[in-house]
Amino acid sequence: MKTVNYYFVRHGQTLFNRYRHLQGWSDSPLTEKGVNDAKTAGKILSNLNFANIYSSDTTRAIKTARYINAENQHPLEIEKMQPIAAFREQFFGYFEGANSVETEFKLYQQHSTIEPTLNAMTAMHGIKAAIDVWKNVDPFHDAESYDEITTRLKQGLDYTFDQAQDGDDVLIVSHGTLIRVLTSMYNDQIDVSRSPKNGSITKLQLDDHAGQILYFGKTS
């Protein structure tokens, strides 16, 4: 049986994070804090000899991965670090780039949550229901559903698992909602009502038959 240790890191803070704009498949540069987020994650993971390093294909994730790699005691050559679209953030469709606070209020106020936010909706109804609202309300229905996200995420995991050897440590730099979805897939007892912080680490141990989340959103 083959077992692979995955370290999922949420990218460092970006301008859109700071401005509270929805940032799914759209992109914005890392802030100074975002660079420090990445370097801090790199220091925490610096003693791990990563067999492979992947990221989503967004600039914010690619650059975060490079900062983490630069802090490592056994850095990989940059050309061996592979961006994969399967690890992108949730696509918000029509709502891409919109103010997140205003948009969440409009989307979730009809669901009678204590407060009309993604976090409150997730706490009350689960991450699947919270994500599927975006698909249903998007006038073009371009926003991704929970099932669409899990389908591509599984494809990315299958690909990276096939590339790995038993016992390998693998780094994947990805996004807040994507990591919440990942966690819900492998441990539905973990509270994902709040997004992991920028630069935080979530560990997934995956083998031929099953997977388990060992920790979620670790920052030290």
N, C-alpha and C. Protein backbone atom coordinates (compact mmCIF):
# COMPACT_ATOMS: atom_id res chain seq x y z
N MET A 1 0.84 -1.20 0.00
CA MET A 1 0.00 0.00 0.00
C MET A 1 0.88 1.25 0.00
N LYS A 2 0.53 2.22 -0.80
CA LYS A 2 1.28 3.49 -0.88
C LYS A 2 0.59 4.56 -0.06
N THR A 3 1.38 5.30 0.72
CA THR A 3 0.87 6.42 1.51
C THR A 3 1.65 7.68 1.15
N VAL A 4 0.92 8.76 0.90
CA VAL A 4 1.54 10.04 0.53
C VAL A 4 1.05 11.12 1.50
N ASN A 5 1.97 11.94 1.98
CA ASN A 5 1.65 13.05 2.88
C ASN A 5 1.55 14.36 2.09
N TYR A 6 0.36 14.94 2.09
CA TYR A 6 0.13 16.20 1.38
C TYR A 6 0.09 17.35 2.37
N TYR A 7 0.81 18.41 2.05
CA TYR A 7 0.77 19.64 2.83
C TYR A 7 0.14 20.71 1.95
N PHE A 8 -1.12 21.03 2.23
CA PHE A 8 -1.84 22.07 1.50
C PHE A 8 -1.65 23.39 2.22
N VAL A 9 -1.15 24.39 1.49
CA VAL A 9 -0.95 25.72 2.06
C VAL A 9 -1.84 26.71 1.32
N ARG A 10 -2.55 27.53 2.09
CA ARG A 10 -3.30 28.61 1.44
C ARG A 10 -2.31 29.71 1.06
N HIS A 11 -2.44 30.23 -0.15
CA HIS A 11 -1.55 31.30 -0.64
C HIS A 11 -1.50 32.47 0.33
N GLY A 12 -0.47 33.28 0.20
CA GLY A 12 -0.33 34.48 1.03
C GLY A 12 -1.39 35.52 0.69
N GLN A 13 -1.56 36.46 1.60
CA GLN A 13 -2.56 37.52 1.39
C GLN A 13 -2.31 38.28 0.09
N THR A 14 -3.41 38.61 -0.60
CA THR A 14 -3.34 39.39 -1.83
C THR A 14 -4.05 40.73 -1.66
N LEU A 15 -3.94 41.58 -2.67
CA LEU A 15 -4.68 42.85 -2.64
C LEU A 15 -6.18 42.61 -2.56
N PHE A 16 -6.70 41.64 -3.32
CA PHE A 16 -8.14 41.35 -3.27
C PHE A 16 -8.57 40.83 -1.91
N ASN A 17 -7.70 40.05 -1.25
CA ASN A 17 -8.01 39.63 0.12
C ASN A 17 -8.15 40.85 1.03
N ARG A 18 -7.20 41.76 0.91
CA ARG A 18 -7.21 42.94 1.78
C ARG A 18 -8.40 43.84 1.47
N TYR A 19 -8.77 43.94 0.19
CA TYR A 19 -9.88 44.80 -0.20
C TYR A 19 -11.24 44.12 -0.05
N ARG A 20 -11.24 42.83 0.32
CA ARG A 20 -12.45 42.03 0.48
C ARG A 20 -13.21 41.90 -0.85
N HIS A 21 -12.48 41.53 -1.89
CA HIS A 21 -13.08 41.24 -3.19
C HIS A 21 -13.02 39.74 -3.44
N LEU A 22 -14.05 39.21 -4.09
CA LEU A 22 -14.10 37.78 -4.41
C LEU A 22 -13.02 37.46 -5.43
N GLN A 23 -12.26 36.43 -5.14
CA GLN A 23 -11.07 36.13 -5.93
C GLN A 23 -11.02 34.62 -6.15
N GLY A 24 -11.80 34.17 -7.13
CA GLY A 24 -11.79 32.76 -7.44
C GLY A 24 -10.75 32.45 -8.50
N TRP A 25 -11.17 32.51 -9.77
CA TRP A 25 -10.23 32.29 -10.86
C TRP A 25 -9.58 33.59 -11.29
N SER A 26 -10.08 34.73 -10.80
CA SER A 26 -9.39 35.99 -11.03
C SER A 26 -8.17 36.04 -10.11
N ASP A 27 -7.34 37.08 -10.26
CA ASP A 27 -6.07 37.08 -9.54
C ASP A 27 -5.69 38.49 -9.14
N SER A 28 -4.84 38.59 -8.15
CA SER A 28 -4.24 39.87 -7.77
C SER A 28 -2.92 39.56 -7.07
N PRO A 29 -2.02 40.53 -7.01
CA PRO A 29 -0.67 40.25 -6.48
C PRO A 29 -0.65 40.08 -4.97
N LEU A 30 0.38 39.40 -4.49
CA LEU A 30 0.61 39.28 -3.06
C LEU A 30 0.94 40.64 -2.47
N THR A 31 0.45 40.88 -1.27
CA THR A 31 0.83 42.06 -0.52
C THR A 31 2.15 41.77 0.21
N GLU A 32 2.68 42.78 0.89
CA GLU A 32 3.87 42.55 1.71
C GLU A 32 3.57 41.50 2.78
N LYS A 33 2.38 41.60 3.38
CA LYS A 33 1.98 40.59 4.35
C LYS A 33 1.90 39.22 3.69
N GLY A 34 1.41 39.18 2.45
CA GLY A 34 1.29 37.92 1.73
C GLY A 34 2.63 37.24 1.50
N VAL A 35 3.64 38.04 1.20
CA VAL A 35 4.99 37.50 1.05
C VAL A 35 5.47 36.92 2.38
N ASN A 36 5.19 37.65 3.46
CA ASN A 36 5.58 37.16 4.78
C ASN A 36 4.80 35.90 5.17
N ASP A 37 3.52 35.83 4.78
CA ASP A 37 2.72 34.62 5.01
C ASP A 37 3.42 33.42 4.38
N ALA A 38 3.84 33.59 3.14
CA ALA A 38 4.48 32.50 2.41
C ALA A 38 5.81 32.11 3.04
N LYS A 39 6.61 33.10 3.42
CA LYS A 39 7.91 32.81 4.02
C LYS A 39 7.75 32.13 5.37
N THR A 40 6.74 32.53 6.13
CA THR A 40 6.50 31.89 7.42
C THR A 40 6.12 30.43 7.24
N ALA A 41 5.23 30.15 6.28
CA ALA A 41 4.87 28.76 5.98
C ALA A 41 6.11 27.98 5.55
N GLY A 42 6.95 28.63 4.75
CA GLY A 42 8.18 27.98 4.29
C GLY A 42 9.10 27.61 5.43
N LYS A 43 9.20 28.48 6.42
CA LYS A 43 10.05 28.19 7.59
C LYS A 43 9.48 27.01 8.38
N ILE A 44 8.15 26.95 8.54
CA ILE A 44 7.53 25.85 9.27
C ILE A 44 7.80 24.52 8.57
N LEU A 45 7.80 24.55 7.25
CA LEU A 45 7.95 23.32 6.46
C LEU A 45 9.38 23.10 5.97
N SER A 46 10.31 23.90 6.46
CA SER A 46 11.65 23.94 5.86
C SER A 46 12.42 22.63 5.97
N ASN A 47 12.09 21.80 6.96
CA ASN A 47 12.86 20.56 7.14
C ASN A 47 12.30 19.39 6.34
N LEU A 48 11.19 19.61 5.64
CA LEU A 48 10.59 18.54 4.84
C LEU A 48 11.24 18.50 3.46
N ASN A 49 11.58 17.32 3.02
CA ASN A 49 12.20 17.14 1.71
C ASN A 49 11.10 16.78 0.70
N PHE A 50 10.49 17.80 0.11
CA PHE A 50 9.35 17.57 -0.77
C PHE A 50 9.77 16.86 -2.06
N ALA A 51 9.09 15.76 -2.34
CA ALA A 51 9.35 15.04 -3.58
C ALA A 51 8.81 15.82 -4.78
N ASN A 52 7.66 16.47 -4.57
CA ASN A 52 7.03 17.26 -5.63
C ASN A 52 6.38 18.49 -5.01
N ILE A 53 6.35 19.57 -5.76
CA ILE A 53 5.67 20.79 -5.34
C ILE A 53 4.72 21.21 -6.45
N TYR A 54 3.45 21.39 -6.07
CA TYR A 54 2.42 21.81 -7.01
C TYR A 54 1.74 23.07 -6.46
N SER A 55 1.03 23.74 -7.34
CA SER A 55 0.20 24.87 -6.93
C SER A 55 -0.95 24.97 -7.92
N SER A 56 -1.93 25.77 -7.58
CA SER A 56 -2.90 26.12 -8.60
C SER A 56 -2.18 26.98 -9.65
N ASP A 57 -2.84 27.22 -10.76
CA ASP A 57 -2.17 27.98 -11.82
C ASP A 57 -2.39 29.48 -11.71
N THR A 58 -2.84 29.96 -10.54
CA THR A 58 -2.95 31.40 -10.32
C THR A 58 -1.59 31.95 -9.90
N THR A 59 -1.33 33.20 -10.23
CA THR A 59 -0.04 33.81 -9.90
C THR A 59 0.19 33.83 -8.40
N ARG A 60 -0.85 34.11 -7.63
CA ARG A 60 -0.70 34.20 -6.18
C ARG A 60 -0.26 32.87 -5.57
N ALA A 61 -0.75 31.76 -6.12
CA ALA A 61 -0.36 30.46 -5.61
C ALA A 61 1.05 30.07 -6.08
N ILE A 62 1.34 30.36 -7.33
CA ILE A 62 2.67 30.04 -7.88
C ILE A 62 3.76 30.79 -7.12
N LYS A 63 3.54 32.08 -6.86
CA LYS A 63 4.55 32.86 -6.16
C LYS A 63 4.68 32.42 -4.71
N THR A 64 3.56 32.07 -4.08
CA THR A 64 3.63 31.57 -2.71
C THR A 64 4.45 30.29 -2.66
N ALA A 65 4.23 29.40 -3.61
CA ALA A 65 4.99 28.15 -3.67
C ALA A 65 6.48 28.42 -3.81
N ARG A 66 6.84 29.40 -4.60
CA ARG A 66 8.26 29.72 -4.80
C ARG A 66 8.90 30.27 -3.53
N TYR A 67 8.15 31.11 -2.80
CA TYR A 67 8.68 31.63 -1.54
C TYR A 67 8.87 30.49 -0.53
N ILE A 68 7.90 29.58 -0.48
CA ILE A 68 8.01 28.44 0.44
C ILE A 68 9.21 27.58 0.07
N ASN A 69 9.36 27.32 -1.21
CA ASN A 69 10.47 26.49 -1.68
C ASN A 69 11.82 27.13 -1.35
N ALA A 70 11.89 28.45 -1.45
CA ALA A 70 13.15 29.15 -1.19
C ALA A 70 13.58 29.04 0.27
N GLU A 71 12.64 28.81 1.17
CA GLU A 71 12.95 28.67 2.59
C GLU A 71 13.34 27.24 2.94
N ASN A 72 13.16 26.30 2.01
CA ASN A 72 13.36 24.89 2.31
C ASN A 72 14.83 24.50 2.35
N GLN A 73 15.15 23.55 3.20
CA GLN A 73 16.52 23.05 3.29
C GLN A 73 16.92 22.21 2.09
N HIS A 74 15.90 21.74 1.36
CA HIS A 74 16.14 20.92 0.16
C HIS A 74 15.29 21.48 -1.00
N PRO A 75 15.54 22.70 -1.44
CA PRO A 75 14.68 23.32 -2.45
C PRO A 75 14.73 22.58 -3.79
N LEU A 76 13.57 22.55 -4.44
CA LEU A 76 13.49 21.99 -5.79
C LEU A 76 13.86 23.07 -6.80
N GLU A 77 14.30 22.65 -7.97
CA GLU A 77 14.50 23.59 -9.06
C GLU A 77 13.14 24.12 -9.50
N ILE A 78 13.09 25.41 -9.79
CA ILE A 78 11.81 26.06 -10.09
C ILE A 78 11.08 25.37 -11.23
N GLU A 79 11.82 24.90 -12.23
CA GLU A 79 11.17 24.28 -13.39
C GLU A 79 10.51 22.95 -13.03
N LYS A 80 10.81 22.40 -11.86
CA LYS A 80 10.18 21.16 -11.42
C LYS A 80 8.91 21.41 -10.60
N MET A 81 8.61 22.68 -10.34
CA MET A 81 7.39 23.03 -9.60
C MET A 81 6.26 23.20 -10.59
N GLN A 82 5.18 22.47 -10.39
CA GLN A 82 4.15 22.35 -11.44
C GLN A 82 2.83 23.00 -11.04
N PRO A 83 2.35 23.99 -11.81
CA PRO A 83 1.00 24.52 -11.58
C PRO A 83 -0.05 23.62 -12.21
N ILE A 84 -1.16 23.42 -11.48
CA ILE A 84 -2.23 22.54 -11.94
C ILE A 84 -3.58 23.24 -11.73
N ALA A 85 -4.35 23.37 -12.78
CA ALA A 85 -5.64 24.07 -12.71
C ALA A 85 -6.62 23.40 -11.76
N ALA A 86 -6.47 22.10 -11.54
CA ALA A 86 -7.39 21.37 -10.66
C ALA A 86 -7.38 21.91 -9.23
N PHE A 87 -6.31 22.62 -8.85
CA PHE A 87 -6.20 23.13 -7.48
C PHE A 87 -6.57 24.61 -7.39
N ARG A 88 -7.28 25.12 -8.40
CA ARG A 88 -7.77 26.49 -8.34
C ARG A 88 -8.82 26.67 -7.23
N GLU A 89 -9.05 27.94 -6.90
CA GLU A 89 -10.12 28.29 -5.98
C GLU A 89 -11.48 28.05 -6.64
N GLN A 90 -12.52 28.02 -5.83
CA GLN A 90 -13.90 27.99 -6.34
C GLN A 90 -14.08 29.11 -7.36
N PHE A 91 -14.74 28.81 -8.48
CA PHE A 91 -15.05 29.84 -9.48
C PHE A 91 -16.37 30.49 -9.09
N PHE A 92 -16.36 31.82 -8.92
CA PHE A 92 -17.55 32.55 -8.49
C PHE A 92 -18.41 33.04 -9.65
N GLY A 93 -18.00 32.72 -10.87
CA GLY A 93 -18.82 33.06 -12.03
C GLY A 93 -19.10 34.55 -12.15
N TYR A 94 -20.36 34.89 -12.26
CA TYR A 94 -20.82 36.27 -12.43
C TYR A 94 -20.30 37.18 -11.32
N PHE A 95 -20.02 36.62 -10.15
CA PHE A 95 -19.65 37.42 -8.98
C PHE A 95 -18.15 37.63 -8.84
N GLU A 96 -17.36 37.11 -9.75
CA GLU A 96 -15.90 37.28 -9.67
C GLU A 96 -15.53 38.77 -9.55
N GLY A 97 -14.69 39.08 -8.57
CA GLY A 97 -14.19 40.44 -8.40
C GLY A 97 -15.10 41.36 -7.61
N ALA A 98 -16.32 40.91 -7.29
CA ALA A 98 -17.26 41.74 -6.55
C ALA A 98 -16.85 41.84 -5.08
N ASN A 99 -17.39 42.84 -4.40
CA ASN A 99 -17.13 42.98 -2.97
C ASN A 99 -17.72 41.78 -2.23
N SER A 100 -16.92 41.08 -1.46
CA SER A 100 -17.37 39.84 -0.85
C SER A 100 -18.41 40.06 0.23
N VAL A 101 -18.27 41.12 1.02
CA VAL A 101 -19.22 41.38 2.10
C VAL A 101 -20.61 41.67 1.54
N GLU A 102 -20.69 42.56 0.56
CA GLU A 102 -21.98 42.91 -0.03
C GLU A 102 -22.60 41.72 -0.74
N THR A 103 -21.79 40.97 -1.48
CA THR A 103 -22.31 39.85 -2.26
C THR A 103 -22.81 38.73 -1.35
N GLU A 104 -22.07 38.40 -0.31
CA GLU A 104 -22.52 37.37 0.61
C GLU A 104 -23.82 37.77 1.30
N PHE A 105 -23.94 39.04 1.64
CA PHE A 105 -25.19 39.51 2.26
C PHE A 105 -26.37 39.27 1.33
N LYS A 106 -26.22 39.62 0.06
CA LYS A 106 -27.31 39.44 -0.90
C LYS A 106 -27.64 37.96 -1.11
N LEU A 107 -26.60 37.12 -1.14
CA LEU A 107 -26.81 35.70 -1.42
C LEU A 107 -27.41 34.95 -0.25
N TYR A 108 -26.98 35.28 0.97
CA TYR A 108 -27.33 34.44 2.11
C TYR A 108 -28.44 34.99 3.00
N GLN A 109 -28.89 36.22 2.78
CA GLN A 109 -29.91 36.77 3.67
C GLN A 109 -31.22 36.00 3.59
N GLN A 110 -31.50 35.37 2.45
CA GLN A 110 -32.75 34.63 2.29
C GLN A 110 -32.71 33.28 2.99
N HIS A 111 -31.55 32.86 3.48
CA HIS A 111 -31.44 31.55 4.10
C HIS A 111 -31.55 31.60 5.62
N SER A 112 -31.92 32.78 6.15
CA SER A 112 -32.21 32.95 7.57
C SER A 112 -31.05 32.54 8.47
N THR A 113 -29.85 32.82 8.04
CA THR A 113 -28.70 32.56 8.89
C THR A 113 -28.60 33.67 9.93
N ILE A 114 -27.86 33.39 11.01
CA ILE A 114 -27.69 34.38 12.07
C ILE A 114 -27.08 35.66 11.49
N GLU A 115 -26.14 35.49 10.61
CA GLU A 115 -25.59 36.61 9.84
C GLU A 115 -25.41 36.11 8.41
N PRO A 116 -25.71 36.95 7.44
CA PRO A 116 -25.68 36.50 6.04
C PRO A 116 -24.26 36.45 5.47
N THR A 117 -23.50 35.43 5.87
CA THR A 117 -22.13 35.27 5.40
C THR A 117 -21.90 33.81 5.02
N LEU A 118 -20.86 33.60 4.23
CA LEU A 118 -20.46 32.24 3.87
C LEU A 118 -20.14 31.42 5.11
N ASN A 119 -19.46 32.01 6.07
CA ASN A 119 -19.08 31.28 7.27
C ASN A 119 -20.30 30.83 8.07
N ALA A 120 -21.28 31.73 8.23
CA ALA A 120 -22.49 31.39 8.98
C ALA A 120 -23.31 30.34 8.25
N MET A 121 -23.40 30.49 6.94
CA MET A 121 -24.13 29.51 6.14
C MET A 121 -23.48 28.13 6.24
N THR A 122 -22.16 28.10 6.21
CA THR A 122 -21.43 26.85 6.33
C THR A 122 -21.66 26.22 7.70
N ALA A 123 -21.63 27.02 8.75
CA ALA A 123 -21.84 26.51 10.10
C ALA A 123 -23.22 25.90 10.27
N MET A 124 -24.22 26.49 9.63
CA MET A 124 -25.60 26.03 9.80
C MET A 124 -25.98 24.90 8.86
N HIS A 125 -25.49 24.96 7.62
CA HIS A 125 -25.98 24.04 6.59
C HIS A 125 -24.89 23.21 5.92
N GLY A 126 -23.62 23.44 6.25
CA GLY A 126 -22.54 22.69 5.66
C GLY A 126 -21.94 23.39 4.45
N ILE A 127 -20.70 23.02 4.12
CA ILE A 127 -19.97 23.69 3.05
C ILE A 127 -20.60 23.43 1.68
N LYS A 128 -21.18 22.26 1.47
CA LYS A 128 -21.80 21.96 0.18
C LYS A 128 -22.96 22.90 -0.10
N ALA A 129 -23.85 23.05 0.86
CA ALA A 129 -25.01 23.94 0.68
C ALA A 129 -24.56 25.38 0.50
N ALA A 130 -23.53 25.80 1.25
CA ALA A 130 -23.04 27.17 1.16
C ALA A 130 -22.48 27.48 -0.23
N ILE A 131 -21.76 26.52 -0.80
CA ILE A 131 -21.18 26.72 -2.13
C ILE A 131 -22.24 26.66 -3.22
N ASP A 132 -23.17 25.74 -3.10
CA ASP A 132 -24.16 25.55 -4.16
C ASP A 132 -25.07 26.76 -4.35
N VAL A 133 -25.19 27.61 -3.33
CA VAL A 133 -25.97 28.84 -3.48
C VAL A 133 -25.42 29.69 -4.62
N TRP A 134 -24.09 29.75 -4.73
CA TRP A 134 -23.48 30.58 -5.78
C TRP A 134 -23.92 30.11 -7.16
N LYS A 135 -23.92 28.81 -7.36
CA LYS A 135 -24.33 28.23 -8.64
C LYS A 135 -25.79 28.57 -8.94
N ASN A 136 -26.63 28.45 -7.94
CA ASN A 136 -28.07 28.65 -8.13
C ASN A 136 -28.43 30.10 -8.39
N VAL A 137 -27.71 31.02 -7.76
CA VAL A 137 -28.07 32.44 -7.86
C VAL A 137 -27.39 33.12 -9.05
N ASP A 138 -26.24 32.63 -9.47
CA ASP A 138 -25.54 33.19 -10.62
C ASP A 138 -26.49 33.22 -11.83
N PRO A 139 -26.75 34.40 -12.41
CA PRO A 139 -27.69 34.47 -13.54
C PRO A 139 -27.23 33.68 -14.76
N PHE A 140 -25.93 33.40 -14.85
CA PHE A 140 -25.41 32.59 -15.95
C PHE A 140 -25.14 31.14 -15.53
N HIS A 141 -25.28 30.87 -14.24
CA HIS A 141 -24.99 29.54 -13.67
C HIS A 141 -23.56 29.08 -13.99
N ASP A 142 -22.65 30.05 -14.09
CA ASP A 142 -21.24 29.72 -14.35
C ASP A 142 -20.48 29.40 -13.07
N ALA A 143 -20.95 29.89 -11.93
CA ALA A 143 -20.28 29.62 -10.67
C ALA A 143 -20.25 28.11 -10.42
N GLU A 144 -19.17 27.65 -9.81
CA GLU A 144 -19.02 26.21 -9.60
C GLU A 144 -19.88 25.71 -8.44
N SER A 145 -20.38 24.50 -8.61
CA SER A 145 -21.07 23.80 -7.53
C SER A 145 -20.04 23.03 -6.70
N TYR A 146 -20.47 22.55 -5.55
CA TYR A 146 -19.60 21.73 -4.71
C TYR A 146 -19.13 20.50 -5.46
N ASP A 147 -20.04 19.84 -6.16
CA ASP A 147 -19.68 18.61 -6.88
C ASP A 147 -18.70 18.88 -8.01
N GLU A 148 -18.83 20.03 -8.67
CA GLU A 148 -17.88 20.37 -9.73
C GLU A 148 -16.48 20.60 -9.16
N ILE A 149 -16.42 21.22 -7.99
CA ILE A 149 -15.12 21.45 -7.35
C ILE A 149 -14.49 20.13 -6.92
N THR A 150 -15.29 19.27 -6.28
CA THR A 150 -14.73 17.99 -5.81
C THR A 150 -14.28 17.11 -6.97
N THR A 151 -14.97 17.20 -8.10
CA THR A 151 -14.58 16.39 -9.26
C THR A 151 -13.19 16.76 -9.75
N ARG A 152 -12.94 18.06 -9.92
CA ARG A 152 -11.61 18.46 -10.42
C ARG A 152 -10.55 18.28 -9.34
N LEU A 153 -10.91 18.48 -8.07
CA LEU A 153 -9.97 18.28 -6.99
C LEU A 153 -9.51 16.82 -6.93
N LYS A 154 -10.44 15.90 -7.07
CA LYS A 154 -10.09 14.47 -7.08
C LYS A 154 -9.18 14.14 -8.26
N GLN A 155 -9.43 14.77 -9.40
CA GLN A 155 -8.57 14.54 -10.56
C GLN A 155 -7.14 15.01 -10.27
N GLY A 156 -7.02 16.16 -9.62
CA GLY A 156 -5.69 16.65 -9.25
C GLY A 156 -5.00 15.75 -8.25
N LEU A 157 -5.74 15.26 -7.27
CA LEU A 157 -5.17 14.35 -6.28
C LEU A 157 -4.74 13.03 -6.93
N ASP A 158 -5.59 12.52 -7.82
CA ASP A 158 -5.24 11.27 -8.52
C ASP A 158 -3.95 11.42 -9.30
N TYR A 159 -3.82 12.55 -10.00
CA TYR A 159 -2.62 12.78 -10.80
C TYR A 159 -1.38 12.86 -9.91
N THR A 160 -1.45 13.66 -8.85
CA THR A 160 -0.28 13.83 -8.00
C THR A 160 0.05 12.55 -7.22
N PHE A 161 -0.97 11.79 -6.86
CA PHE A 161 -0.75 10.52 -6.16
C PHE A 161 -0.01 9.54 -7.07
N ASP A 162 -0.39 9.51 -8.34
CA ASP A 162 0.27 8.61 -9.30
C ASP A 162 1.74 8.98 -9.49
N GLN A 163 2.07 10.27 -9.35
CA GLN A 163 3.44 10.72 -9.54
C GLN A 163 4.32 10.46 -8.32
N ALA A 164 3.70 10.17 -7.18
CA ALA A 164 4.43 10.06 -5.92
C ALA A 164 4.83 8.61 -5.62
N GLN A 165 5.82 8.49 -4.74
CA GLN A 165 6.26 7.20 -4.22
C GLN A 165 5.77 7.05 -2.77
N ASP A 166 5.75 5.83 -2.30
CA ASP A 166 5.33 5.58 -0.93
C ASP A 166 6.17 6.39 0.06
N GLY A 167 5.47 7.09 0.95
CA GLY A 167 6.15 7.88 1.97
C GLY A 167 6.53 9.28 1.55
N ASP A 168 6.26 9.67 0.31
CA ASP A 168 6.62 11.01 -0.16
C ASP A 168 5.87 12.11 0.58
N ASP A 169 6.54 13.23 0.75
CA ASP A 169 5.92 14.47 1.20
C ASP A 169 5.71 15.36 -0.02
N VAL A 170 4.50 15.88 -0.17
CA VAL A 170 4.13 16.68 -1.35
C VAL A 170 3.54 18.00 -0.88
N LEU A 171 4.01 19.09 -1.44
CA LEU A 171 3.46 20.42 -1.15
C LEU A 171 2.49 20.83 -2.24
N ILE A 172 1.32 21.35 -1.84
CA ILE A 172 0.37 21.92 -2.79
C ILE A 172 -0.08 23.28 -2.26
N VAL A 173 0.17 24.34 -3.01
CA VAL A 173 -0.30 25.67 -2.62
C VAL A 173 -1.61 25.95 -3.33
N SER A 174 -2.63 26.20 -2.55
CA SER A 174 -3.97 26.33 -3.11
C SER A 174 -4.71 27.49 -2.44
N HIS A 175 -6.00 27.32 -2.17
CA HIS A 175 -6.88 28.43 -1.81
C HIS A 175 -7.82 28.06 -0.67
N GLY A 176 -8.36 29.09 -0.02
CA GLY A 176 -9.15 28.89 1.19
C GLY A 176 -10.34 27.98 1.05
N THR A 177 -11.23 28.28 0.10
CA THR A 177 -12.42 27.45 -0.05
C THR A 177 -12.07 26.06 -0.56
N LEU A 178 -11.11 25.97 -1.46
CA LEU A 178 -10.69 24.66 -1.97
C LEU A 178 -10.19 23.78 -0.82
N ILE A 179 -9.45 24.35 0.11
CA ILE A 179 -8.94 23.58 1.25
C ILE A 179 -10.07 23.20 2.19
N ARG A 180 -11.08 24.07 2.32
CA ARG A 180 -12.24 23.71 3.13
C ARG A 180 -12.99 22.52 2.50
N VAL A 181 -13.13 22.55 1.19
CA VAL A 181 -13.78 21.44 0.48
C VAL A 181 -12.98 20.16 0.67
N LEU A 182 -11.66 20.25 0.48
CA LEU A 182 -10.79 19.09 0.69
C LEU A 182 -10.99 18.49 2.08
N THR A 183 -11.02 19.35 3.07
CA THR A 183 -11.17 18.88 4.45
C THR A 183 -12.52 18.22 4.66
N SER A 184 -13.57 18.79 4.09
CA SER A 184 -14.91 18.20 4.22
C SER A 184 -14.98 16.83 3.56
N MET A 185 -14.20 16.62 2.51
CA MET A 185 -14.19 15.33 1.80
C MET A 185 -13.58 14.22 2.65
N TYR A 186 -12.58 14.56 3.45
CA TYR A 186 -11.83 13.53 4.16
C TYR A 186 -12.03 13.52 5.68
N ASN A 187 -12.68 14.54 6.21
CA ASN A 187 -13.03 14.53 7.63
C ASN A 187 -14.16 15.52 7.86
N ASP A 188 -15.40 15.03 7.79
CA ASP A 188 -16.54 15.93 7.94
C ASP A 188 -16.80 16.32 9.39
N GLN A 189 -15.94 15.87 10.32
CA GLN A 189 -16.06 16.26 11.72
C GLN A 189 -15.28 17.54 12.03
N ILE A 190 -14.42 17.95 11.11
CA ILE A 190 -13.65 19.18 11.32
C ILE A 190 -14.51 20.37 10.94
N ASP A 191 -14.49 21.40 11.77
CA ASP A 191 -15.26 22.61 11.54
C ASP A 191 -14.58 23.45 10.45
N VAL A 192 -15.25 23.58 9.31
CA VAL A 192 -14.70 24.39 8.22
C VAL A 192 -15.55 25.65 8.01
N SER A 193 -16.22 26.08 9.06
CA SER A 193 -17.07 27.27 8.94
C SER A 193 -16.25 28.55 8.83
N ARG A 194 -14.95 28.45 9.09
CA ARG A 194 -14.07 29.60 8.86
C ARG A 194 -12.92 29.17 7.96
N SER A 195 -12.56 30.05 7.06
CA SER A 195 -11.51 29.72 6.10
C SER A 195 -10.16 29.63 6.79
N PRO A 196 -9.30 28.73 6.34
CA PRO A 196 -7.93 28.72 6.86
C PRO A 196 -7.25 30.04 6.51
N LYS A 197 -6.40 30.51 7.40
CA LYS A 197 -5.74 31.79 7.19
C LYS A 197 -4.72 31.70 6.05
N ASN A 198 -4.42 32.85 5.47
CA ASN A 198 -3.38 32.90 4.45
C ASN A 198 -2.07 32.38 5.03
N GLY A 199 -1.44 31.44 4.30
CA GLY A 199 -0.19 30.87 4.73
C GLY A 199 -0.32 29.71 5.70
N SER A 200 -1.55 29.35 6.07
CA SER A 200 -1.74 28.24 6.99
C SER A 200 -1.60 26.90 6.27
N ILE A 201 -1.41 25.84 7.07
CA ILE A 201 -1.09 24.52 6.52
C ILE A 201 -2.13 23.50 6.94
N THR A 202 -2.59 22.71 5.99
CA THR A 202 -3.52 21.61 6.24
C THR A 202 -2.86 20.34 5.72
N LYS A 203 -2.83 19.30 6.56
CA LYS A 203 -2.15 18.06 6.18
C LYS A 203 -3.16 16.95 5.88
N LEU A 204 -3.02 16.37 4.70
CA LEU A 204 -3.81 15.23 4.27
C LEU A 204 -2.88 14.03 4.08
N GLN A 205 -3.24 12.92 4.70
CA GLN A 205 -2.51 11.67 4.46
C GLN A 205 -3.39 10.78 3.60
N LEU A 206 -2.88 10.41 2.44
CA LEU A 206 -3.68 9.70 1.45
C LEU A 206 -3.01 8.39 1.09
N ASP A 207 -3.82 7.31 1.07
CA ASP A 207 -3.27 6.03 0.62
C ASP A 207 -4.14 5.47 -0.50
N ASP A 208 -3.92 4.21 -0.87
CA ASP A 208 -4.61 3.62 -2.01
C ASP A 208 -6.11 3.51 -1.80
N HIS A 209 -6.55 3.53 -0.55
CA HIS A 209 -7.95 3.24 -0.27
C HIS A 209 -8.71 4.40 0.36
N ALA A 210 -8.02 5.24 1.09
CA ALA A 210 -8.72 6.30 1.82
C ALA A 210 -7.74 7.42 2.17
N GLY A 211 -8.28 8.48 2.77
CA GLY A 211 -7.45 9.57 3.21
C GLY A 211 -7.96 10.12 4.53
N GLN A 212 -7.10 10.82 5.25
CA GLN A 212 -7.53 11.46 6.48
C GLN A 212 -6.82 12.79 6.64
N ILE A 213 -7.56 13.79 7.13
CA ILE A 213 -6.99 15.08 7.42
C ILE A 213 -6.38 15.02 8.82
N LEU A 214 -5.08 15.26 8.91
CA LEU A 214 -4.39 15.18 10.19
C LEU A 214 -4.47 16.50 10.96
N TYR A 215 -4.47 17.61 10.24
CA TYR A 215 -4.78 18.90 10.88
C TYR A 215 -5.20 19.89 9.81
N PHE A 216 -5.92 20.95 10.25
CA PHE A 216 -6.53 21.92 9.35
C PHE A 216 -6.15 23.33 9.78
N GLY A 217 -5.59 24.10 8.84
CA GLY A 217 -5.32 25.51 9.08
C GLY A 217 -4.27 25.79 10.14
N LYS A 218 -3.22 24.98 10.20
CA LYS A 218 -2.16 25.16 11.18
C LYS A 218 -1.31 26.38 10.82
N THR A 219 -0.99 27.20 11.80
CA THR A 219 -0.23 28.43 11.53
C THR A 219 1.10 28.48 12.26
N SER A 220 1.46 27.43 12.98
CA SER A 220 2.75 27.41 13.68
C SER A 220 3.20 25.98 13.90
